[in-house]
Structures are given as structure tokens and as C-alpha cells.
Protein backbone atom coordinates (compact mmCIF):
# COMPACT_ATOMS: atom_id res chain seq x y z
CA MET A 1 49.69 89.93 64.77
CA VAL A 2 51.38 89.51 68.17
CA ALA A 3 55.09 90.34 68.08
CA SER A 4 57.52 87.53 68.91
CA SER A 5 60.03 87.54 71.79
CA PHE A 6 62.74 88.27 69.24
CA GLU A 7 60.88 91.24 67.77
CA ARG A 8 60.09 92.80 71.15
CA LEU A 9 63.63 92.37 72.45
CA HIS A 10 65.12 93.60 69.19
CA GLY A 11 62.94 96.69 69.42
CA ARG A 12 64.18 97.52 72.93
CA ILE A 13 67.82 97.06 71.95
CA VAL A 14 67.45 99.23 68.84
CA SER A 15 65.63 101.97 70.78
CA ARG A 16 68.22 101.77 73.59
CA THR A 17 65.54 101.17 76.18
CA ALA A 18 66.98 97.74 77.02
CA THR A 19 68.69 97.22 80.38
CA VAL A 20 72.07 95.47 80.38
CA GLY A 21 73.34 93.33 83.22
CA VAL A 22 77.07 92.57 83.48
CA ILE A 23 78.05 89.70 85.76
CA GLY A 24 81.61 90.04 87.06
CA LEU A 25 83.09 93.52 87.47
CA GLY A 26 86.74 92.71 86.98
CA TYR A 27 89.22 93.53 84.22
CA VAL A 28 86.65 92.63 81.54
CA GLY A 29 83.27 93.34 83.09
CA LEU A 30 83.89 96.79 84.54
CA PRO A 31 85.23 98.33 81.29
CA LEU A 32 82.28 96.78 79.42
CA ALA A 33 79.75 98.08 81.95
CA THR A 34 81.18 101.59 81.92
CA THR A 35 81.37 101.62 78.12
CA ALA A 36 77.70 100.63 77.86
CA ALA A 37 76.69 103.26 80.41
CA MET A 38 78.71 105.95 78.64
CA HIS A 39 76.74 105.20 75.48
CA GLY A 40 73.45 105.83 77.22
CA VAL A 41 72.49 102.22 77.96
CA ARG A 42 71.06 101.53 81.42
CA THR A 43 73.51 99.09 82.96
CA ILE A 44 73.51 97.04 86.16
CA GLY A 45 76.83 95.58 87.28
CA PHE A 46 76.77 92.42 89.42
CA ASP A 47 79.57 91.04 91.57
CA ILE A 48 79.82 88.83 94.65
CA ASP A 49 82.60 91.06 96.02
CA SER A 50 80.89 93.71 98.17
CA GLU A 51 84.16 95.65 98.47
CA LYS A 52 84.15 96.29 94.70
CA ILE A 53 80.55 97.47 94.84
CA GLU A 54 81.28 99.92 97.65
CA LYS A 55 84.27 101.32 95.77
CA LEU A 56 82.18 101.88 92.66
CA LYS A 57 79.49 103.62 94.70
CA SER A 58 82.15 106.03 95.98
CA PHE A 59 83.46 106.55 92.42
CA SER A 60 86.72 104.73 93.17
CA SER A 61 88.00 102.45 90.41
CA TYR A 62 90.16 99.44 91.19
CA ILE A 63 91.47 98.81 87.67
CA ASP A 64 93.60 100.98 85.41
CA ALA A 65 91.28 100.81 82.37
CA VAL A 66 88.51 102.68 84.20
CA LYS A 67 89.34 106.03 85.79
CA ASP A 68 87.63 107.56 88.81
CA SER A 69 86.61 110.43 86.53
CA ASP A 70 84.84 107.93 84.26
CA LEU A 71 82.72 106.76 87.18
CA VAL A 72 81.89 110.35 88.13
CA GLU A 73 80.90 111.12 84.53
CA ILE A 74 78.67 108.06 84.34
CA ALA A 75 77.05 108.94 87.66
CA SER A 76 75.84 112.19 86.13
CA ASN A 77 73.69 110.32 83.60
CA GLY A 78 72.51 107.72 86.13
CA LYS A 79 73.03 104.84 83.70
CA LEU A 80 75.24 102.59 85.88
CA THR A 81 74.42 100.91 89.16
CA ALA A 82 76.36 98.15 90.90
CA THR A 83 75.03 95.52 93.26
CA THR A 84 75.56 92.13 94.90
CA ASP A 85 71.81 91.45 94.66
CA PHE A 86 71.34 89.13 91.69
CA THR A 87 67.54 89.30 91.84
CA HIS A 88 67.92 92.47 89.75
CA LEU A 89 68.75 90.19 86.81
CA ARG A 90 64.97 90.10 86.32
CA GLU A 91 65.19 93.69 85.10
CA CYS A 92 67.78 92.91 82.42
CA ASP A 93 67.11 92.43 78.72
CA VAL A 94 70.76 91.69 77.93
CA ILE A 95 72.97 89.72 80.36
CA VAL A 96 76.70 89.50 79.76
CA ILE A 97 78.85 87.00 81.67
CA CYS A 98 82.40 88.23 82.39
CA VAL A 99 83.70 85.85 85.05
CA PRO A 100 87.12 84.19 85.42
CA THR A 101 87.94 80.89 83.71
CA PRO A 102 91.14 79.66 85.38
CA LEU A 103 92.84 76.28 85.18
CA THR A 104 92.71 73.58 87.83
CA GLN A 105 95.91 72.35 89.49
CA ASN A 106 96.01 69.68 86.76
CA ARG A 107 95.81 72.44 84.09
CA ASP A 108 92.31 71.43 83.03
CA PRO A 109 89.61 74.07 82.38
CA ASP A 110 87.76 75.35 85.43
CA ILE A 111 84.43 76.70 84.18
CA SER A 112 82.76 76.59 87.58
CA PHE A 113 82.32 80.40 87.60
CA ILE A 114 80.46 80.19 84.28
CA GLN A 115 78.29 77.37 85.55
CA LYS A 116 77.41 79.16 88.79
CA SER A 117 76.61 82.37 86.91
CA CYS A 118 74.29 80.51 84.55
CA GLU A 119 72.55 78.81 87.49
CA VAL A 120 71.92 82.21 89.09
CA ILE A 121 70.68 83.60 85.77
CA ALA A 122 68.33 80.63 85.32
CA ARG A 123 66.67 81.43 88.65
CA HIS A 124 65.90 85.02 87.65
CA ILE A 125 65.82 85.26 83.85
CA THR A 126 62.64 86.37 82.14
CA ARG A 127 61.37 86.00 78.58
CA GLU A 128 62.83 88.26 75.88
CA THR A 129 66.40 88.20 77.22
CA ILE A 130 69.69 87.47 75.49
CA VAL A 131 72.67 86.07 77.41
CA SER A 132 76.15 86.67 75.99
CA LEU A 133 79.18 84.85 77.36
CA GLU A 134 82.45 86.79 77.17
CA SER A 135 84.56 84.57 79.43
CA THR A 136 87.12 82.61 77.43
CA SER A 137 86.41 78.90 77.22
CA TYR A 138 86.71 75.88 74.94
CA PRO A 139 84.64 75.55 71.74
CA GLY A 140 81.27 74.13 72.71
CA THR A 141 80.88 75.83 76.08
CA VAL A 142 77.79 77.82 75.07
CA LYS A 143 76.12 74.81 73.45
CA GLU A 144 77.10 72.20 76.02
CA VAL A 145 77.05 74.18 79.27
CA VAL A 146 75.42 77.61 79.04
CA ALA A 147 72.33 76.78 76.97
CA PRO A 148 71.25 73.66 78.94
CA ILE A 149 71.57 75.45 82.29
CA LEU A 150 69.57 78.42 81.04
CA GLU A 151 66.85 76.11 79.72
CA SER A 152 66.49 74.66 83.22
CA SER A 153 64.55 77.87 83.86
CA GLY A 154 61.74 76.42 81.74
CA LEU A 155 62.34 78.96 78.97
CA LYS A 156 63.27 77.80 75.47
CA ILE A 157 66.42 78.86 73.69
CA ASP A 158 65.65 80.91 70.54
CA GLU A 159 61.97 81.08 71.40
CA ASP A 160 61.87 82.80 74.80
CA ILE A 161 65.55 83.56 75.40
CA PHE A 162 68.69 83.75 73.25
CA VAL A 163 72.41 83.01 73.66
CA ALA A 164 75.60 84.26 72.05
CA PHE A 165 79.36 84.31 72.54
CA SER A 166 81.53 87.41 72.21
CA PRO A 167 85.10 86.89 73.40
CA GLU A 168 86.66 89.61 75.49
CA ARG A 169 89.73 91.22 73.93
CA GLU A 170 90.86 93.53 76.70
CA ASP A 171 94.53 94.52 76.77
CA PRO A 172 95.30 96.20 80.11
CA GLY A 173 97.75 99.08 79.82
CA ASN A 174 97.29 99.50 76.06
CA ALA A 175 96.64 103.22 75.54
CA LYS A 176 95.81 102.77 71.84
CA PHE A 177 92.83 100.46 72.27
CA SER A 178 89.85 100.41 74.61
CA THR A 179 86.67 98.37 74.97
CA TYR A 180 85.01 100.76 72.54
CA THR A 181 87.69 100.69 69.82
CA ILE A 182 88.66 96.99 69.86
CA PRO A 183 86.66 95.17 67.12
CA LYS A 184 84.09 92.84 68.70
CA ILE A 185 83.67 89.26 67.52
CA VAL A 186 80.07 88.07 67.92
CA GLY A 187 78.92 84.51 67.31
CA ALA A 188 75.53 82.82 67.70
CA ASP A 189 73.94 79.61 66.48
CA THR A 190 70.75 81.09 65.06
CA ALA A 191 70.02 84.12 62.91
CA ASN A 192 67.80 85.69 65.58
CA ALA A 193 70.35 85.36 68.37
CA ARG A 194 73.09 86.69 66.10
CA ALA A 195 71.00 89.68 65.07
CA LEU A 196 70.24 90.55 68.70
CA ALA A 197 73.86 90.21 69.83
CA VAL A 198 75.18 92.22 66.88
CA GLU A 199 72.63 94.96 67.47
CA PHE A 200 73.51 95.19 71.16
CA TYR A 201 77.29 95.32 70.72
CA ASP A 202 76.96 97.65 67.75
CA SER A 203 75.29 100.15 70.08
CA ILE A 204 78.30 100.33 72.43
CA VAL A 205 81.46 99.56 70.38
CA ALA A 206 82.92 100.94 67.16
CA LYS A 207 82.99 97.75 65.09
CA VAL A 208 81.31 94.33 65.27
CA ILE A 209 82.43 91.26 63.32
CA PRO A 210 79.71 88.57 63.18
CA VAL A 211 80.72 84.92 62.79
CA SER A 212 78.59 81.90 61.97
CA SER A 213 78.38 80.17 65.36
CA THR A 214 79.24 80.30 69.04
CA MET A 215 81.90 77.61 68.52
CA THR A 216 83.56 79.69 65.81
CA ALA A 217 83.65 82.72 68.11
CA GLU A 218 85.04 80.59 70.94
CA ALA A 219 87.72 79.28 68.58
CA VAL A 220 88.64 82.80 67.43
CA LYS A 221 89.69 83.82 70.95
CA LEU A 222 91.68 80.64 71.53
CA THR A 223 93.39 80.97 68.14
CA GLU A 224 94.49 84.52 68.91
CA ASN A 225 96.18 83.48 72.14
CA VAL A 226 97.57 80.17 70.90
CA PHE A 227 99.25 82.17 68.13
CA ARG A 228 100.87 84.47 70.68
CA SER A 229 101.81 81.65 73.05
CA VAL A 230 103.55 79.60 70.33
CA ASN A 231 105.46 82.58 68.94
CA ILE A 232 106.56 83.78 72.37
CA ALA A 233 107.72 80.24 73.14
CA LEU A 234 109.72 80.28 69.91
CA VAL A 235 111.61 83.47 70.80
CA ASN A 236 112.09 82.23 74.37
CA GLU A 237 113.75 79.09 73.02
CA LEU A 238 115.83 81.17 70.60
CA LYS A 239 116.91 83.37 73.50
CA ILE A 240 118.31 80.36 75.34
CA ILE A 241 120.08 79.10 72.20
CA TYR A 242 121.48 82.48 71.17
CA THR A 243 122.61 83.33 74.69
CA ARG A 244 124.68 80.15 74.75
CA MET A 245 126.17 81.18 71.38
CA GLY A 246 126.96 84.69 72.61
CA ILE A 247 124.32 86.30 70.38
CA ASP A 248 122.00 89.03 71.65
CA ILE A 249 118.40 87.95 70.90
CA TRP A 250 117.15 91.55 71.25
CA GLU A 251 119.53 92.77 68.57
CA VAL A 252 118.47 89.87 66.34
CA ILE A 253 114.77 90.70 66.70
CA GLU A 254 115.36 94.40 66.11
CA ALA A 255 117.25 93.67 62.90
CA ALA A 256 114.76 91.04 61.71
CA SER A 257 111.93 93.53 62.28
CA THR A 258 113.27 95.72 59.49
CA LYS A 259 111.99 93.18 56.96
CA PRO A 260 108.77 94.74 55.62
CA PHE A 261 107.05 91.39 55.04
CA GLY A 262 106.99 87.85 56.39
CA PHE A 263 108.18 88.68 59.92
CA MET A 264 106.29 89.78 63.02
CA PRO A 265 108.31 90.60 66.14
CA PHE A 266 107.62 88.76 69.38
CA TYR A 267 109.77 89.30 72.44
CA PRO A 268 111.21 86.90 75.02
CA GLY A 269 110.64 87.21 78.73
CA PRO A 270 110.65 85.41 82.08
CA GLY A 271 107.46 83.49 81.28
CA LEU A 272 103.86 84.34 80.46
CA GLY A 273 101.38 86.21 82.62
CA GLY A 274 97.87 87.57 82.51
CA HIS A 275 94.61 85.72 82.31
CA CYS A 276 94.75 84.82 78.61
CA ILE A 277 97.98 83.58 77.05
CA PRO A 278 99.12 81.25 79.89
CA ILE A 279 95.64 79.71 80.19
CA ASP A 280 93.62 79.81 76.96
CA PRO A 281 95.76 77.39 74.90
CA PHE A 282 95.18 74.67 77.49
CA TYR A 283 91.41 75.04 77.03
CA LEU A 284 91.87 74.06 73.40
CA SER A 285 94.31 71.22 74.09
CA TRP A 286 91.89 69.82 76.71
CA LYS A 287 88.99 69.92 74.26
CA ALA A 288 91.11 68.44 71.46
CA ARG A 289 91.76 65.34 73.59
CA GLN A 290 88.03 64.61 73.45
CA TYR A 291 88.49 64.29 69.68
CA GLU A 292 91.57 62.08 70.16
CA ILE A 293 93.85 64.78 68.75
CA SER A 294 97.17 65.72 70.33
CA THR A 295 98.10 69.40 70.33
CA LYS A 296 101.88 69.16 70.08
CA PHE A 297 102.61 72.81 69.31
CA ILE A 298 100.39 74.03 72.15
CA GLU A 299 101.83 71.61 74.70
CA LEU A 300 105.42 72.33 73.68
CA ALA A 301 104.86 76.09 73.79
CA GLY A 302 103.36 75.77 77.25
CA GLU A 303 106.29 73.68 78.41
CA ILE A 304 108.84 76.21 77.13
CA ASN A 305 107.03 79.25 78.52
CA LEU A 306 106.45 77.64 81.92
CA GLY A 307 110.13 76.72 82.09
CA MET A 308 111.38 80.28 81.60
CA THR A 309 111.09 81.14 85.28
CA ASP A 310 113.49 78.30 86.10
CA TYR A 311 115.83 79.60 83.39
CA VAL A 312 115.83 83.06 85.00
CA VAL A 313 116.65 81.60 88.42
CA ALA A 314 119.42 79.48 86.88
CA ARG A 315 120.96 82.60 85.31
CA LEU A 316 120.76 84.35 88.68
CA ARG A 317 122.52 81.42 90.36
CA GLU A 318 125.28 81.59 87.74
CA GLY A 319 125.72 85.31 88.35
CA LEU A 320 125.82 84.96 92.13
CA ASP A 321 128.43 82.23 91.89
CA ARG A 322 130.56 84.24 89.47
CA GLU A 323 130.31 87.61 91.22
CA TYR A 324 130.19 86.60 94.87
CA GLY A 325 131.01 82.88 95.05
CA ARG A 326 127.72 82.10 96.78
CA GLY A 327 124.32 80.55 96.12
CA LEU A 328 120.76 81.57 96.90
CA LYS A 329 120.65 80.64 100.56
CA GLY A 330 120.77 83.76 102.69
CA THR A 331 121.15 86.03 99.65
CA ARG A 332 119.01 89.17 99.57
CA ILE A 333 117.21 89.46 96.24
CA LEU A 334 115.20 92.42 94.99
CA VAL A 335 112.59 91.55 92.35
CA VAL A 336 111.71 94.63 90.29
CA GLY A 337 108.19 94.49 88.85
CA VAL A 338 105.64 91.85 89.85
CA ALA A 339 102.80 92.77 87.46
CA TYR A 340 102.47 90.43 84.49
CA LYS A 341 103.14 93.25 82.00
CA LYS A 342 104.54 96.76 82.05
CA ASN A 343 102.62 99.79 83.32
CA VAL A 344 99.70 97.87 84.86
CA GLY A 345 98.93 96.61 88.34
CA ASP A 346 97.64 93.17 87.33
CA VAL A 347 99.53 90.19 88.82
CA ARG A 348 97.36 87.38 87.44
CA GLU A 349 99.59 84.46 86.43
CA SER A 350 102.62 86.75 86.73
CA PRO A 351 105.94 84.94 86.30
CA ALA A 352 107.37 87.25 88.96
CA VAL A 353 105.31 85.54 91.64
CA LYS A 354 106.61 82.12 90.64
CA ILE A 355 110.17 83.46 90.57
CA ILE A 356 109.74 84.85 94.09
CA SER A 357 108.38 81.48 95.24
CA VAL A 358 111.34 79.60 93.74
CA LEU A 359 113.83 82.04 95.29
CA LEU A 360 112.21 81.71 98.71
CA SER A 361 112.26 77.93 98.50
CA GLY A 362 115.98 78.17 97.70
CA GLY A 363 116.60 80.03 100.96
CA ALA A 364 116.87 83.55 99.55
CA LYS A 365 115.48 86.60 101.30
CA VAL A 366 113.23 88.34 98.78
CA GLU A 367 111.74 91.82 98.56
CA TYR A 368 109.98 93.36 95.60
CA HIS A 369 109.54 96.85 94.20
CA ASP A 370 106.61 97.72 91.93
CA PRO A 371 105.10 101.21 91.71
CA HIS A 372 101.86 99.69 90.35
CA VAL A 373 101.41 96.90 92.95
CA SER A 374 101.57 98.18 96.53
CA GLN A 375 100.91 94.73 97.96
CA LEU A 376 100.30 91.25 96.62
CA PRO A 377 96.63 90.21 96.45
CA LYS A 378 95.18 86.82 97.32
CA MET A 379 96.46 84.20 94.88
CA ARG A 380 95.13 80.66 94.92
CA ALA A 381 98.53 79.12 94.12
CA TYR A 382 100.53 81.33 96.52
CA PRO A 383 98.42 82.01 99.64
CA ALA A 384 101.45 82.71 101.84
CA MET A 385 102.40 85.75 99.75
CA HIS A 386 99.11 87.57 100.34
CA GLY A 387 99.76 91.03 101.76
CA LYS A 388 103.49 91.17 101.01
CA GLN A 389 104.26 94.84 100.35
CA SER A 390 106.38 96.63 97.79
CA VAL A 391 109.48 98.29 99.21
CA ALA A 392 109.83 101.98 98.48
CA ALA A 393 112.20 103.34 95.85
CA GLY A 394 115.51 104.30 97.45
CA SER A 395 114.69 102.51 100.71
CA SER A 396 117.25 100.60 102.76
CA ALA A 397 115.51 97.38 101.74
CA MET A 398 116.44 98.16 98.13
CA ARG A 399 119.97 99.37 98.85
CA GLU A 400 120.85 96.36 101.01
CA CYS A 401 120.00 93.73 98.38
CA ASP A 402 122.76 91.56 96.91
CA ALA A 403 121.17 91.16 93.48
CA ILE A 404 118.31 92.54 91.42
CA VAL A 405 116.02 90.64 89.06
CA ILE A 406 114.07 92.83 86.64
CA VAL A 407 110.92 90.89 85.77
CA THR A 408 108.57 93.67 84.64
CA ASP A 409 109.94 96.73 82.87
CA HIS A 410 107.57 99.48 84.04
CA ASP A 411 108.40 102.85 82.49
CA ASP A 412 108.27 104.65 85.83
CA ILE A 413 111.06 102.66 87.48
CA ASP A 414 114.34 104.52 88.02
CA TYR A 415 116.73 102.20 86.16
CA ARG A 416 119.64 104.62 86.52
CA ASN A 417 119.26 104.36 90.27
CA LEU A 418 119.26 100.56 90.07
CA ILE A 419 122.51 100.66 88.10
CA ALA A 420 124.05 103.14 90.54
CA MET A 421 123.53 100.64 93.36
CA ASP A 422 126.29 98.56 91.71
CA LYS A 423 124.55 95.24 92.27
CA LEU A 424 124.31 92.18 90.06
CA ILE A 425 121.30 92.80 87.78
CA VAL A 426 119.49 89.99 85.97
CA ASP A 427 117.43 91.68 83.26
CA THR A 428 114.68 89.53 81.72
CA ARG A 429 113.15 92.34 79.62
CA ASN A 430 116.12 94.18 78.10
CA ALA A 431 115.07 97.08 80.33
CA ILE A 432 118.63 98.38 80.82
CA GLU A 433 120.23 98.24 77.37
CA GLY A 434 116.87 98.80 75.68
CA ARG A 435 116.90 102.26 77.26
CA GLY A 436 120.44 102.95 76.12
CA LEU A 437 121.96 102.36 79.56
CA THR A 438 124.94 100.24 80.57
CA CYS A 439 125.55 98.16 83.67
CA ARG A 440 128.83 96.61 84.77
CA LYS A 441 127.20 93.58 86.41
CA LEU A 442 124.42 92.88 83.91
CA ILE A 443 123.08 89.45 82.99
CA LYS A 444 120.49 89.34 80.21
CA ALA A 445 118.13 86.48 80.92
């Protein structure tokens, strides 16, 4: 009896003779590709950015989660190659899509990167291949977008080729969890596709959790980040209320956290950043409208979190007026930390960038200091900021500022030095008092 496409592909995955292709070598794709290669799986990384490919060829990583030493180690086993030539997709038995899924200016889903990736795959895919989407999207993306484009190749889903969804769960800067140790959700719409996807991921990560369908897996990722978005919005709103009442929200959360049940601490901040929490909930609210359902919690949480940058600027204005009797115009502001979270160099959706933009539009002169971000990258929403450089610690640009806004509380920032400068400090992260320090001109925002 002639073996089926499923049986032949399953055999290659089990025997680890399958070749994996990873499309998109960013914060999700590169850690996945290196993890697969480290576990002895031949892996080809694809990206349209030739600069990334050249860096990888010279064993130079451009993200914190993958070290240069990791690339050197992988090079010794010859399991990872990187290319801009997508014709090599023909060599791949497993193809994983790890491309961005941003929002449009109207805050609707932009899945154009997924669509373009699938169109490229359809031109080169061969029989006995499984395609797994890891890019976050709305429930139904695999069924409604990915599968039809792949079938334009002339190959049949679940006969010749297979599809699955496995949401990325990367957490940049988290030393406790890596691509290998984070449990992997895997969903597919047929038993064969699910078995193939589970077998593949089980060969490169510590734990796989299968779910019944691609839509379920898509919903899992959105649920995780909606949960965080709503709870962060709640504590952000409480921060505004408690500040007006003269109550320290950080002390409240610390005390509430001593309850051994029924409470989970979330922390306020200047807004949300990163590629997940500020974006993913809007994918669900957009899809829900197609079912004539309003997502009140999601929309309200988004409204509160987006408004926190304006709250920070308002608190700065209050402090400038009280301390110096002046407004923003002509005032020299130092923004400390522009990454979206501490101890990483990722500025995607960072509230710091919006704060800088608002300050500049108000006539302020703005510099920033961030030991993890030497200069601002290209950002679709803020093209004029591209190339702006971080000022050095202890430089005249820092000393000559009139006020400091701490947006990201990196551990390797010298907070004692900031206090010694005797400037107005607006602290959005409890970076000063949270480290047991005191500041005469401190505003907690």
C-alpha cells in the first residue's frame, strides 16, 4: 500500500529529517528558528530584510533573546541557514509564519504580511508540507485567509498539504522563560494536521498543549492579552483615582498582593507597549463586530490605556507650573527609557515614543536616555523620530534638562544620579521609591 502524504510527512518529522522554514526573523521567528536548530532540526530562516540576513551570517544577533554565542553554537552543527531567497521554501517540510500583524491607522487588523507570506508560500510549496501560522490574528484567519491562499497552489488542504495555528508567546526580557520552556498551544481543524503540528513542536519545545481547532488556538492568544489589557486598564484607572485621593497605588497593590487567593497583581504605567497587548484585543473587537457584538470591556480598556500618555504629560505640566511657573514650551525634558518594557531594547508601540511626540508638539525640547536603545528605529507612526540618539549617562544633555520623565525602569539606569541632579522627576513606574530611594521633587504618575 502506498503511504499517504500525511504518513510520509509524519515519518520525516518523527525521524527529524524534516526541514523547517521560518518566515520572518524578528522577535518571534529568530528565537523559534534557533531553538529548532539547537534541537538538531535543519532550519532555513527567511526574511525580506537583507541586513538581518547578513548579521546572522556573521553571527551577530539583533535581538536580546538570541545571543551571538547561540548563533556560533548553531553554526557548528550546520542546522541553520538564513536567506532572502524564498524559492528555498520548496525544500521545507514544515513552514512557520512569524510576521507582524499591526493595526491600521483606524485600529483595524492589518494582516497584509500574513497574506503576502501565504502568496509566496503558494508559489513554492510542495506536497507533504504543513504550514503553521504563529502571527497573532483574529479567530478565523487560518480558515478564511491562510487555507484559501495556500490552495491556490493547486494542492488540497489535508490531502496534499496541512495547516495549523500555534500562537507565539514570546516575552522579551523574561529570564525565566524561553521559546523552549514556554508551553506551546497547537490547534488544527483535522486530526492529521493536529498530529503533524503537535509532533513538530514536541520535537523542539518542552510542552505542547493541543486544542480542538485553529479558531480555538487563535482565541487562546487573544484571551491571554485581553485579560492583561483589561486588568492593566483597571489599575491605571485606580491610579488616577487614588492619586487624586492622596493614596499611593503602589502601596495598595503591594498590600493587596499579600492575600493568598483571589487577587493577582497588575501594575500601572504610562500606557501599553509591545506588539501584543496594545494590538491583540482590537483584533477580537474587530471580529466581534462581524457578529454584531460590542466588546465594551475591550474598548474601554483600550481607551483608558491609550489615554495614560496624556495623563503623564498632564502631571508633568502640573509639576512644571508648580516648581518653575512655566509650561512645556521651551522646556528641556529628558525622557528616561524608551523601550516598551524594562531591560529590553524593543520600542514597538512604546508609550515613551508617544510621550516624546506630545512633548515636542507642545514646544518642549526633548532628549532621551536608554542604555538598551542607542537610537530610535523606523516607526510607521513617527517617521520624523527615526535616528534620534540616546544621550549618554552623565552628559551635558542630561544635566541641562529642566525635568525628567521616567517611562521605562531599566535596572541598569543610575537612579541615584538622576536624583542628585535635583530636577523635577515624573516617575511613571515607581522606579525611585520602589528602589527605596527618595526624591525632593518627585511626582508619581
